[in-house]
């Protein structure tokens, strides 16, 4: 999944992104409040200024 698809799905109301591959994704400034990113591969992803309140990053 790329950043554009994730953001579109999030805007449509989806918050379950467990185990997705987001290596190198540009999520800078993204609003991902309450997203479940458990086990998501975020290596090299840009999360600068991303809103991750209540997000699960375990």
PDB file of N, CA and C in Angstrom:
ATOM      1  N   UNK A   1       0.856  -1.169   0.000  1.00  0.00           N
ATOM      2  CA  UNK A   1       0.000   0.000   0.000  1.00  0.00           C
ATOM      3  C   UNK A   1       0.901   1.232   0.000  1.00  0.00           C
ATOM      4  N   UNK A   2       0.508   2.246  -0.734  1.00  0.00           N
ATOM      5  CA  UNK A   2       1.265   3.491  -0.700  1.00  0.00           C
ATOM      6  C   UNK A   2       0.518   4.519   0.153  1.00  0.00           C
ATOM      7  N   UNK A   3       1.160   5.655   0.365  1.00  0.00           N
ATOM      8  CA  UNK A   3       0.600   6.684   1.240  1.00  0.00           C
ATOM      9  C   UNK A   3      -0.742   7.199   0.719  1.00  0.00           C
ATOM     10  N   UNK A   4      -0.875   7.356  -0.576  1.00  0.00           N
ATOM     11  CA  UNK A   4      -2.117   7.887  -1.143  1.00  0.00           C
ATOM     12  C   UNK A   4      -3.281   6.944  -0.853  1.00  0.00           C
ATOM     13  N   UNK A   5      -3.070   5.644  -1.058  1.00  0.00           N
ATOM     14  CA  UNK A   5      -4.139   4.672  -0.786  1.00  0.00           C
ATOM     15  C   UNK A   5      -4.508   4.665   0.691  1.00  0.00           C
ATOM     16  N   UNK A   6      -3.495   4.684   1.570  1.00  0.00           N
ATOM     17  CA  UNK A   6      -3.766   4.691   3.008  1.00  0.00           C
ATOM     18  C   UNK A   6      -4.594   5.908   3.389  1.00  0.00           C
ATOM     19  N   UNK A   7      -4.220   7.069   2.904  1.00  0.00           N
ATOM     20  CA  UNK A   7      -4.933   8.296   3.259  1.00  0.00           C
ATOM     21  C   UNK A   7      -6.357   8.299   2.701  1.00  0.00           C
ATOM     22  N   UNK A   8      -6.549   7.757   1.511  1.00  0.00           N
ATOM     23  CA  UNK A   8      -7.901   7.668   0.948  1.00  0.00           C
ATOM     24  C   UNK A   8      -8.771   6.742   1.788  1.00  0.00           C
ATOM     25  N   UNK A   9      -8.217   5.601   2.181  1.00  0.00           N
ATOM     26  CA  UNK A   9      -8.968   4.651   2.999  1.00  0.00           C
ATOM     27  C   UNK A   9      -9.271   5.244   4.374  1.00  0.00           C
ATOM     28  N   UNK A  10      -8.304   5.980   4.941  1.00  0.00           N
ATOM     29  CA  UNK A  10      -8.516   6.619   6.240  1.00  0.00           C
ATOM     30  C   UNK A  10      -9.632   7.665   6.137  1.00  0.00           C
ATOM     31  N   UNK A  11      -9.599   8.473   5.097  1.00  0.00           N
ATOM     32  CA  UNK A  11     -10.629   9.500   4.909  1.00  0.00           C
ATOM     33  C   UNK A  11     -12.010   8.888   4.700  1.00  0.00           C
ATOM     34  N   UNK A  12     -12.049   7.655   4.193  1.00  0.00           N
ATOM     35  CA  UNK A  12     -13.322   6.951   3.996  1.00  0.00           C
ATOM     36  C   UNK A  12     -13.806   6.291   5.285  1.00  0.00           C
ATOM     37  N   UNK A  13     -13.016   6.424   6.360  1.00  0.00           N
ATOM     38  CA  UNK A  13     -13.442   5.914   7.658  1.00  0.00           C
ATOM     39  C   UNK A  13     -12.712   4.684   8.152  1.00  0.00           C
ATOM     40  N   UNK A  14     -11.829   4.130   7.343  1.00  0.00           N
ATOM     41  CA  UNK A  14     -11.084   2.941   7.768  1.00  0.00           C
ATOM     42  C   UNK A  14      -9.956   3.346   8.716  1.00  0.00           C
ATOM     43  N   UNK A  15      -9.756   2.574   9.768  1.00  0.00           N
ATOM     44  CA  UNK A  15      -8.662   2.852  10.705  1.00  0.00           C
ATOM     45  C   UNK A  15      -7.793   1.627  10.956  1.00  0.00           C
ATOM     46  N   UNK A  16      -8.138   0.483  10.394  1.00  0.00           N
ATOM     47  CA  UNK A  16      -7.397  -0.755  10.630  1.00  0.00           C
ATOM     48  C   UNK A  16      -6.391  -0.987   9.510  1.00  0.00           C
ATOM     49  N   UNK A  17      -5.133  -0.684   9.817  1.00  0.00           N
ATOM     50  CA  UNK A  17      -4.061  -0.856   8.843  1.00  0.00           C
ATOM     51  C   UNK A  17      -2.995  -1.801   9.381  1.00  0.00           C
ATOM     52  N   UNK A  18      -3.426  -2.749  10.215  1.00  0.00           N
ATOM     53  CA  UNK A  18      -2.495  -3.690  10.834  1.00  0.00           C
ATOM     54  C   UNK A  18      -1.741  -4.484   9.776  1.00  0.00           C
ATOM     55  N   UNK A  19      -0.410  -4.569   9.991  1.00  0.00           N
ATOM     56  CA  UNK A  19       0.438  -5.410   9.161  1.00  0.00           C
ATOM     57  C   UNK A  19       0.695  -4.913   7.751  1.00  0.00           C
ATOM     58  N   UNK A  20       0.295  -3.707   7.436  1.00  0.00           N
ATOM     59  CA  UNK A  20       0.525  -3.171   6.088  1.00  0.00           C
ATOM     60  C   UNK A  20       2.002  -2.829   5.884  1.00  0.00           C
ATOM     61  N   UNK A  21       2.418  -2.769   4.643  1.00  0.00           N
ATOM     62  CA  UNK A  21       3.776  -2.386   4.290  1.00  0.00           C
ATOM     63  C   UNK A  21       3.755  -0.932   3.835  1.00  0.00           C
ATOM     64  N   UNK A  22       4.308  -0.057   4.678  1.00  0.00           N
ATOM     65  CA  UNK A  22       4.374   1.367   4.353  1.00  0.00           C
ATOM     66  C   UNK A  22       5.823   1.849   4.317  1.00  0.00           C
ATOM     67  N   UNK A  23       6.743   0.951   3.959  1.00  0.00           N
ATOM     68  CA  UNK A  23       8.164   1.311   3.872  1.00  0.00           C
ATOM     69  C   UNK A  23       8.330   2.515   2.947  1.00  0.00           C
ATOM     70  N   UNK A  24       8.998   3.542   3.448  1.00  0.00           N
ATOM     71  CA  UNK A  24       9.305   4.708   2.641  1.00  0.00           C
ATOM     72  C   UNK A  24       8.120   5.599   2.312  1.00  0.00           C
ATOM     73  N   UNK A  25       6.959   5.331   2.877  1.00  0.00           N
ATOM     74  CA  UNK A  25       5.768   6.137   2.571  1.00  0.00           C
ATOM     75  C   UNK A  25       5.919   7.554   3.117  1.00  0.00           C
ATOM     76  N   UNK A  26       5.465   8.531   2.354  1.00  0.00           N
ATOM     77  CA  UNK A  26       5.500   9.925   2.797  1.00  0.00           C
ATOM     78  C   UNK A  26       4.171  10.251   3.471  1.00  0.00           C
ATOM     79  N   UNK A  27       4.180  10.162   4.803  1.00  0.00           N
ATOM     80  CA  UNK A  27       2.989  10.454   5.600  1.00  0.00           C
ATOM     81  C   UNK A  27       3.175  11.736   6.401  1.00  0.00           C
ATOM     82  N   UNK A  28       4.110  12.562   5.977  1.00  0.00           N
ATOM     83  CA  UNK A  28       4.373  13.820   6.660  1.00  0.00           C
ATOM     84  C   UNK A  28       3.122  14.679   6.713  1.00  0.00           C
ATOM     85  N   UNK A  29       2.727  15.090   7.916  1.00  0.00           N
ATOM     86  CA  UNK A  29       1.558  15.940   8.106  1.00  0.00           C
ATOM     87  C   UNK A  29       0.226  15.213   8.008  1.00  0.00           C
ATOM     88  N   UNK A  30       0.264  13.897   7.837  1.00  0.00           N
ATOM     89  CA  UNK A  30      -0.983  13.128   7.683  1.00  0.00           C
ATOM     90  C   UNK A  30      -1.759  13.072   8.993  1.00  0.00           C
ATOM     91  N   UNK A  31      -3.074  13.074   8.892  1.00  0.00           N
ATOM     92  CA  UNK A  31      -3.963  12.926  10.044  1.00  0.00           C
ATOM     93  C   UNK A  31      -4.321  11.454  10.155  1.00  0.00           C
ATOM     94  N   UNK A  32      -3.708  10.758  11.115  1.00  0.00           N
ATOM     95  CA  UNK A  32      -3.963   9.332  11.321  1.00  0.00           C
ATOM     96  C   UNK A  32      -4.414   9.075  12.756  1.00  0.00           C
ATOM     97  N   UNK A  33      -5.187   9.999  13.293  1.00  0.00           N
ATOM     98  CA  UNK A  33      -5.666   9.892  14.668  1.00  0.00           C
ATOM     99  C   UNK A  33      -6.488   8.614  14.823  1.00  0.00           C
ATOM    100  N   UNK A  34      -6.113   7.806  15.800  1.00  0.00           N
ATOM    101  CA  UNK A  34      -6.840   6.582  16.106  1.00  0.00           C
ATOM    102  C   UNK A  34      -6.577   5.420  15.170  1.00  0.00           C
ATOM    103  N   UNK A  35      -5.633   5.555  14.260  1.00  0.00           N
ATOM    104  CA  UNK A  35      -5.340   4.463  13.327  1.00  0.00           C
ATOM    105  C   UNK A  35      -4.649   3.312  14.047  1.00  0.00           C
ATOM    106  N   UNK A  36      -4.971   2.096  13.647  1.00  0.00           N
ATOM    107  CA  UNK A  36      -4.307   0.910  14.188  1.00  0.00           C
ATOM    108  C   UNK A  36      -3.225   0.494  13.202  1.00  0.00           C
ATOM    109  N   UNK A  37      -1.986   0.795  13.564  1.00  0.00           N
ATOM    110  CA  UNK A  37      -0.836   0.481  12.720  1.00  0.00           C
ATOM    111  C   UNK A  37      -0.007  -0.645  13.328  1.00  0.00           C
ATOM    112  N   UNK A  38      -0.642  -1.495  14.124  1.00  0.00           N
ATOM    113  CA  UNK A  38       0.035  -2.609  14.775  1.00  0.00           C
ATOM    114  C   UNK A  38       0.734  -3.474  13.733  1.00  0.00           C
ATOM    115  N   UNK A  39       2.026  -3.679  13.923  1.00  0.00           N
ATOM    116  CA  UNK A  39       2.791  -4.542  13.031  1.00  0.00           C
ATOM    117  C   UNK A  39       3.038  -3.973  11.652  1.00  0.00           C
ATOM    118  N   UNK A  40       2.675  -2.727  11.436  1.00  0.00           N
ATOM    119  CA  UNK A  40       2.890  -2.093  10.135  1.00  0.00           C
ATOM    120  C   UNK A  40       4.368  -1.775   9.958  1.00  0.00           C
ATOM    121  N   UNK A  41       4.897  -2.048   8.770  1.00  0.00           N
ATOM    122  CA  UNK A  41       6.304  -1.778   8.474  1.00  0.00           C
ATOM    123  C   UNK A  41       6.429  -0.317   8.056  1.00  0.00           C
ATOM    124  N   UNK A  42       7.005   0.480   8.941  1.00  0.00           N
ATOM    125  CA  UNK A  42       7.154   1.919   8.700  1.00  0.00           C
ATOM    126  C   UNK A  42       8.616   2.312   8.469  1.00  0.00           C
ATOM    127  N   UNK A  43       9.461   1.334   8.154  1.00  0.00           N
ATOM    128  CA  UNK A  43      10.879   1.654   7.937  1.00  0.00           C
ATOM    129  C   UNK A  43      11.023   2.681   6.815  1.00  0.00           C
ATOM    130  N   UNK A  44      11.751   3.747   7.124  1.00  0.00           N
ATOM    131  CA  UNK A  44      12.009   4.783   6.138  1.00  0.00           C
ATOM    132  C   UNK A  44      10.824   5.685   5.846  1.00  0.00           C
ATOM    133  N   UNK A  45       9.718   5.495   6.536  1.00  0.00           N
ATOM    134  CA  UNK A  45       8.536   6.333   6.296  1.00  0.00           C
ATOM    135  C   UNK A  45       8.740   7.719   6.904  1.00  0.00           C
ATOM    136  N   UNK A  46       8.215   8.727   6.243  1.00  0.00           N
ATOM    137  CA  UNK A  46       8.256  10.093   6.751  1.00  0.00           C
ATOM    138  C   UNK A  46       6.998  10.331   7.577  1.00  0.00           C
ATOM    139  N   UNK A  47       7.182  10.528   8.883  1.00  0.00           N
ATOM    140  CA  UNK A  47       6.059  10.797   9.786  1.00  0.00           C
ATOM    141  C   UNK A  47       6.171  12.180  10.425  1.00  0.00           C
ATOM    142  N   UNK A  48       6.995  13.039   9.841  1.00  0.00           N
ATOM    143  CA  UNK A  48       7.193  14.381  10.379  1.00  0.00           C
ATOM    144  C   UNK A  48       5.857  15.131  10.390  1.00  0.00           C
ATOM    145  N   UNK A  49       5.498  15.635  11.549  1.00  0.00           N
ATOM    146  CA  UNK A  49       4.267  16.400  11.768  1.00  0.00           C
ATOM    147  C   UNK A  49       2.985  15.601  11.509  1.00  0.00           C
ATOM    148  N   UNK A  50       3.088  14.272  11.481  1.00  0.00           N
ATOM    149  CA  UNK A  50       1.883  13.441  11.346  1.00  0.00           C
ATOM    150  C   UNK A  50       1.123  13.463  12.666  1.00  0.00           C
ATOM    151  N   UNK A  51      -0.190  13.478  12.596  1.00  0.00           N
ATOM    152  CA  UNK A  51      -1.042  13.469  13.781  1.00  0.00           C
ATOM    153  C   UNK A  51      -1.360  12.016  14.119  1.00  0.00           C
ATOM    154  N   UNK A  52      -0.750  11.522  15.202  1.00  0.00           N
ATOM    155  CA  UNK A  52      -0.870  10.111  15.564  1.00  0.00           C
ATOM    156  C   UNK A  52      -1.500   9.926  16.941  1.00  0.00           C
ATOM    157  N   UNK A  53      -2.287  10.900  17.387  1.00  0.00           N
ATOM    158  CA  UNK A  53      -2.964  10.773  18.682  1.00  0.00           C
ATOM    159  C   UNK A  53      -3.827   9.518  18.682  1.00  0.00           C
ATOM    160  N   UNK A  54      -3.742   8.751  19.751  1.00  0.00           N
ATOM    161  CA  UNK A  54      -4.512   7.519  19.942  1.00  0.00           C
ATOM    162  C   UNK A  54      -4.226   6.457  18.885  1.00  0.00           C
ATOM    163  N   UNK A  55      -3.190   6.650  18.070  1.00  0.00           N
ATOM    164  CA  UNK A  55      -2.807   5.626  17.087  1.00  0.00           C
ATOM    165  C   UNK A  55      -2.050   4.516  17.804  1.00  0.00           C
ATOM    166  N   UNK A  56      -2.238   3.291  17.362  1.00  0.00           N
ATOM    167  CA  UNK A  56      -1.536   2.148  17.931  1.00  0.00           C
ATOM    168  C   UNK A  56      -0.358   1.823  17.023  1.00  0.00           C
ATOM    169  N   UNK A  57       0.853   2.002  17.551  1.00  0.00           N
ATOM    170  CA  UNK A  57       2.076   1.766  16.780  1.00  0.00           C
ATOM    171  C   UNK A  57       2.844   0.554  17.287  1.00  0.00           C
ATOM    172  N   UNK A  58       2.199  -0.287  18.079  1.00  0.00           N
ATOM    173  CA  UNK A  58       2.926  -1.426  18.661  1.00  0.00           C
ATOM    174  C   UNK A  58       3.156  -2.521  17.639  1.00  0.00           C
TER     175      UNK A  58
END
